[in-house]
C-alpha atoms as a PDB file:
ATOM      1  CA  MET A   1     -12.607  12.075 -28.986  1.00  0.00           C
ATOM      2  CA  ARG A   2      -8.801  12.203 -27.656  1.00  0.00           C
ATOM      3  CA  ARG A   3      -9.948  14.845 -25.148  1.00  0.00           C
ATOM      4  CA  TRP A   4     -13.050  12.601 -24.111  1.00  0.00           C
ATOM      5  CA  MET A   5     -10.429   9.642 -23.569  1.00  0.00           C
ATOM      6  CA  LEU A   6      -7.797  11.611 -21.999  1.00  0.00           C
ATOM      7  CA  GLY A   7     -10.508  13.077 -19.516  1.00  0.00           C
ATOM      8  CA  LEU A   8     -11.714   9.502 -19.012  1.00  0.00           C
ATOM      9  CA  VAL A   9      -8.135   8.485 -18.047  1.00  0.00           C
ATOM     10  CA  LEU A  10      -7.533  11.530 -15.880  1.00  0.00           C
ATOM     11  CA  ALA A  11     -10.729  10.635 -13.558  1.00  0.00           C
ATOM     12  CA  ALA A  12      -9.878   6.943 -13.176  1.00  0.00           C
ATOM     13  CA  VAL A  13      -6.565   7.479 -11.885  1.00  0.00           C
ATOM     14  CA  ALA A  14      -7.883  10.285  -9.663  1.00  0.00           C
ATOM     15  CA  VAL A  15     -10.421   7.856  -8.375  1.00  0.00           C
ATOM     16  CA  VAL A  16      -8.279   5.039  -7.669  1.00  0.00           C
ATOM     17  CA  SER A  17      -5.552   7.421  -5.964  1.00  0.00           C
ATOM     18  CA  GLY A  18      -8.418   8.637  -3.906  1.00  0.00           C
ATOM     19  CA  CYS A  19      -9.338   5.322  -2.552  1.00  0.00           C
ATOM     20  CA  ALA A  20      -5.808   4.207  -1.764  1.00  0.00           C
ATOM     21  CA  THR A  21      -5.453   7.642   0.214  1.00  0.00           C
ATOM     22  CA  LEU A  22      -8.752   6.619   1.971  1.00  0.00           C
ATOM     23  CA  ALA A  23      -7.733   2.938   2.704  1.00  0.00           C
ATOM     24  CA  ARG A  24      -4.685   4.307   4.198  1.00  0.00           C
ATOM     25  CA  GLN A  25      -6.456   6.680   6.460  1.00  0.00           C
ATOM     26  CA  ALA A  26      -8.594   4.198   7.465  1.00  0.00           C
ATOM     27  CA  PHE A  27      -6.181   1.539   8.424  1.00  0.00           C
ATOM     28  CA  ALA A  28      -5.297   1.618  12.341  1.00  0.00           C
ATOM     29  CA  ASN A  29      -1.604   0.445  13.239  1.00  0.00           C
ATOM     30  CA  PRO A  30      -1.340  -2.818  15.357  1.00  0.00           C
ATOM     31  CA  MET A  31      -0.329  -2.712  18.429  1.00  0.00           C
ATOM     32  CA  VAL A  32       2.437  -4.878  19.453  1.00  0.00           C
ATOM     33  CA  THR A  33       3.986  -6.213  22.676  1.00  0.00           C
ATOM     34  CA  VAL A  34       6.800  -8.403  23.665  1.00  0.00           C
ATOM     35  CA  LYS A  35       4.893 -11.178  24.957  1.00  0.00           C
ATOM     36  CA  ASP A  36       7.994 -13.685  25.549  1.00  0.00           C
ATOM     37  CA  VAL A  37      11.525 -14.378  24.336  1.00  0.00           C
ATOM     38  CA  ARG A  38      12.656 -18.046  24.396  1.00  0.00           C
ATOM     39  CA  VAL A  39      16.348 -18.959  23.685  1.00  0.00           C
ATOM     40  CA  LYS A  40      16.473 -21.678  20.884  1.00  0.00           C
ATOM     41  CA  GLY A  41      20.554 -22.226  21.134  1.00  0.00           C
ATOM     42  CA  VAL A  42      23.697 -21.143  22.265  1.00  0.00           C
ATOM     43  CA  GLY A  43      26.961 -21.680  20.346  1.00  0.00           C
ATOM     44  CA  LEU A  44      30.447 -20.378  20.054  1.00  0.00           C
ATOM     45  CA  GLN A  45      30.007 -17.518  17.932  1.00  0.00           C
ATOM     46  CA  GLY A  46      26.534 -16.589  19.286  1.00  0.00           C
ATOM     47  CA  GLY A  47      22.872 -17.825  19.539  1.00  0.00           C
ATOM     48  CA  SER A  48      19.607 -17.628  18.329  1.00  0.00           C
ATOM     49  CA  LEU A  49      16.024 -16.844  20.162  1.00  0.00           C
ATOM     50  CA  ASP A  50      12.048 -16.734  19.327  1.00  0.00           C
ATOM     51  CA  LEU A  51      11.033 -13.288  19.998  1.00  0.00           C
ATOM     52  CA  ILE A  52       7.141 -13.978  20.701  1.00  0.00           C
ATOM     53  CA  LEU A  53       5.303 -10.766  19.695  1.00  0.00           C
ATOM     54  CA  ASP A  54       1.652 -10.390  20.698  1.00  0.00           C
ATOM     55  CA  VAL A  55      -0.066  -8.551  18.084  1.00  0.00           C
ATOM     56  CA  TYR A  56      -3.400  -6.787  18.472  1.00  0.00           C
ATOM     57  CA  ASN A  57      -5.367  -5.778  15.325  1.00  0.00           C
ATOM     58  CA  PRO A  58      -7.667  -2.810  16.224  1.00  0.00           C
ATOM     59  CA  ASN A  59      -9.414  -2.808  12.591  1.00  0.00           C
ATOM     60  CA  GLU A  60     -12.700  -4.686  11.794  1.00  0.00           C
ATOM     61  CA  TYR A  61     -11.062  -6.888   9.330  1.00  0.00           C
ATOM     62  CA  ARG A  62      -8.267  -9.391   9.181  1.00  0.00           C
ATOM     63  CA  LEU A  63      -5.214  -7.962   7.827  1.00  0.00           C
ATOM     64  CA  ASP A  64      -2.726 -10.345   6.115  1.00  0.00           C
ATOM     65  CA  ALA A  65       1.072  -9.383   6.432  1.00  0.00           C
ATOM     66  CA  SER A  66       3.021 -10.481   3.747  1.00  0.00           C
ATOM     67  CA  ARG A  67       6.157  -9.019   5.151  1.00  0.00           C
ATOM     68  CA  ILE A  68       7.354  -8.283   8.642  1.00  0.00           C
ATOM     69  CA  THR A  69      10.720  -6.324   9.392  1.00  0.00           C
ATOM     70  CA  TYR A  70      12.602  -6.076  13.061  1.00  0.00           C
ATOM     71  CA  GLN A  71      15.003  -4.388  14.615  1.00  0.00           C
ATOM     72  CA  VAL A  72      16.227  -5.654  18.555  1.00  0.00           C
ATOM     73  CA  TRP A  73      17.513  -3.215  20.887  1.00  0.00           C
ATOM     74  CA  VAL A  74      18.964  -4.065  24.438  1.00  0.00           C
ATOM     75  CA  ASP A  75      19.423  -0.986  26.038  1.00  0.00           C
ATOM     76  CA  SER A  76      20.996   1.236  23.404  1.00  0.00           C
ATOM     77  CA  SER A  77      22.720  -1.324  21.458  1.00  0.00           C
ATOM     78  CA  GLN A  78      21.042  -3.021  18.001  1.00  0.00           C
ATOM     79  CA  ILE A  79      21.527  -6.679  18.695  1.00  0.00           C
ATOM     80  CA  ALA A  80      19.612  -8.034  15.682  1.00  0.00           C
ATOM     81  CA  THR A  81      17.722  -6.906  12.449  1.00  0.00           C
ATOM     82  CA  GLY A  82      15.928  -8.858  10.080  1.00  0.00           C
ATOM     83  CA  GLU A  83      12.452  -9.477   8.383  1.00  0.00           C
ATOM     84  CA  ILE A  84      10.308 -12.125   7.768  1.00  0.00           C
ATOM     85  CA  GLU A  85       8.842 -12.746   4.294  1.00  0.00           C
ATOM     86  CA  LYS A  86       5.758 -15.206   5.325  1.00  0.00           C
ATOM     87  CA  LEU A  87       2.174 -14.732   5.186  1.00  0.00           C
ATOM     88  CA  VAL A  88       0.937 -13.794   8.669  1.00  0.00           C
ATOM     89  CA  THR A  89      -2.755 -13.488   9.343  1.00  0.00           C
ATOM     90  CA  LEU A  90      -4.009 -10.999  11.689  1.00  0.00           C
ATOM     91  CA  THR A  91      -7.315 -11.603  13.172  1.00  0.00           C
ATOM     92  CA  ASP A  92      -9.994  -8.823  13.200  1.00  0.00           C
ATOM     93  CA  LYS A  93     -10.154  -6.980  16.543  1.00  0.00           C
ATOM     94  CA  GLY A  94      -8.191  -9.511  18.127  1.00  0.00           C
ATOM     95  CA  ASN A  95      -4.807 -10.717  19.032  1.00  0.00           C
ATOM     96  CA  SER A  96      -2.309 -12.945  17.337  1.00  0.00           C
ATOM     97  CA  GLU A  97       0.887 -14.348  18.253  1.00  0.00           C
ATOM     98  CA  VAL A  98       3.566 -13.847  15.736  1.00  0.00           C
ATOM     99  CA  VAL A  99       6.903 -15.670  16.208  1.00  0.00           C
ATOM    100  CA  VAL A 100       9.991 -13.744  15.106  1.00  0.00           C
ATOM    101  CA  PRO A 101      13.304 -15.946  14.760  1.00  0.00           C
ATOM    102  CA  VAL A 102      16.239 -13.604  15.783  1.00  0.00           C
ATOM    103  CA  ASN A 103      19.978 -14.689  15.154  1.00  0.00           C
ATOM    104  CA  PHE A 104      22.800 -12.772  17.485  1.00  0.00           C
ATOM    105  CA  THR A 105      26.025 -12.879  18.156  1.00  0.00           C
ATOM    106  CA  PHE A 106      27.777 -12.834  21.685  1.00  0.00           C
ATOM    107  CA  ALA A 107      29.864  -9.478  20.592  1.00  0.00           C
ATOM    108  CA  SER A 108      26.423  -7.340  20.128  1.00  0.00           C
ATOM    109  CA  VAL A 109      24.857  -8.606  23.502  1.00  0.00           C
ATOM    110  CA  GLN A 110      28.499  -8.498  25.262  1.00  0.00           C
ATOM    111  CA  LYS A 111      27.106  -4.709  26.429  1.00  0.00           C
ATOM    112  CA  ALA A 112      23.865  -5.684  27.258  1.00  0.00           C
ATOM    113  CA  LEU A 113      25.380  -8.692  29.426  1.00  0.00           C
ATOM    114  CA  LEU A 114      27.264  -6.169  31.559  1.00  0.00           C
ATOM    115  CA  HIS A 115      24.485  -3.867  32.011  1.00  0.00           C
ATOM    116  CA  TYR A 116      22.414  -6.901  33.296  1.00  0.00           C
ATOM    117  CA  SER A 117      24.935  -8.419  35.422  1.00  0.00           C
ATOM    118  CA  GLN A 118      25.579  -4.961  37.177  1.00  0.00           C
ATOM    119  CA  ARG A 119      21.935  -3.780  37.378  1.00  0.00           C
ATOM    120  CA  GLY A 120      19.837  -7.204  37.542  1.00  0.00           C
ATOM    121  CA  SER A 121      17.691  -5.771  34.758  1.00  0.00           C
ATOM    122  CA  VAL A 122      17.731  -4.896  30.916  1.00  0.00           C
ATOM    123  CA  ASP A 123      15.406  -2.854  28.816  1.00  0.00           C
ATOM    124  CA  TYR A 124      14.427  -4.063  25.571  1.00  0.00           C
ATOM    125  CA  ARG A 125      12.967  -2.837  22.586  1.00  0.00           C
ATOM    126  CA  VAL A 126      11.318  -4.106  19.055  1.00  0.00           C
ATOM    127  CA  THR A 127      10.610  -1.875  16.438  1.00  0.00           C
ATOM    128  CA  GLY A 128       9.934  -2.575  12.682  1.00  0.00           C
ATOM    129  CA  ASP A 129       7.068  -2.455  10.053  1.00  0.00           C
ATOM    130  CA  PHE A 130       4.171  -4.881   8.814  1.00  0.00           C
ATOM    131  CA  THR A 131       3.533  -4.654   5.269  1.00  0.00           C
ATOM    132  CA  MET A 132      -0.258  -5.749   4.714  1.00  0.00           C
ATOM    133  CA  LYS A 133      -1.984  -6.401   1.461  1.00  0.00           C
ATOM    134  CA  THR A 134      -5.064  -4.647   0.774  1.00  0.00           C
ATOM    135  CA  PRO A 135      -7.363  -4.625  -2.309  1.00  0.00           C
ATOM    136  CA  PHE A 136      -5.706  -0.863  -2.976  1.00  0.00           C
ATOM    137  CA  GLY A 137      -2.261  -2.108  -2.491  1.00  0.00           C
ATOM    138  CA  SER A 138       0.452  -2.872   0.046  1.00  0.00           C
ATOM    139  CA  ILE A 139       0.119  -0.836   3.052  1.00  0.00           C
ATOM    140  CA  THR A 140       3.409  -0.748   5.302  1.00  0.00           C
ATOM    141  CA  ARG A 141       2.933   0.657   8.867  1.00  0.00           C
ATOM    142  CA  PRO A 142       5.537   0.672  11.861  1.00  0.00           C
ATOM    143  CA  TYR A 143       5.276  -1.115  14.862  1.00  0.00           C
ATOM    144  CA  THR A 144       7.177  -0.737  18.592  1.00  0.00           C
ATOM    145  CA  GLY A 145       7.323  -2.854  21.492  1.00  0.00           C
ATOM    146  CA  ALA A 146       9.377  -2.435  24.574  1.00  0.00           C
ATOM    147  CA  GLY A 147       9.553  -4.151  28.036  1.00  0.00           C
ATOM    148  CA  ARG A 148      12.130  -4.861  30.862  1.00  0.00           C
ATOM    149  CA  LEU A 149      14.022  -8.142  31.801  1.00  0.00           C
ATOM    150  CA  ASP A 150      14.643  -8.411  35.569  1.00  0.00           C
ATOM    151  CA  THR A 151      16.308 -11.096  37.428  1.00  0.00           C
ATOM    152  CA  PHE A 152      13.260 -10.663  40.238  1.00  0.00           C
ATOM    153  CA  ARG A 153      10.655 -11.693  37.246  1.00  0.00           C
END
């Protein structure tokens, strides 16, 4: 009787593990582009901005992201890092706008401002992870978005 129960438990673990692996393989990464950057405020030490991300969900089902991490890079300098712990719903086969609040210090953007004043443009990049809740558990996938800020835009 014990062997039968042990065999049943092992079979159940294998099925659940296989389903979770299958879910991860069937999941396509969201595609992120930086849509806009809106400065919210500037003070003596630094400022805050909203990073507007356009997130395309290529999956044929809605995704509920429970956690989003981000790192903001300007040229080769990381100017901000953080995470959002709130429910963000990404529509199936569609685009969703995600607003990421970012705080920065003037020390962190000093080098970027110098490059911008010399060249008239600066490259930026946003990287991070989306954590989605699924019936098979949480799945975390990376994202990245990049662009260039020009004085002539």
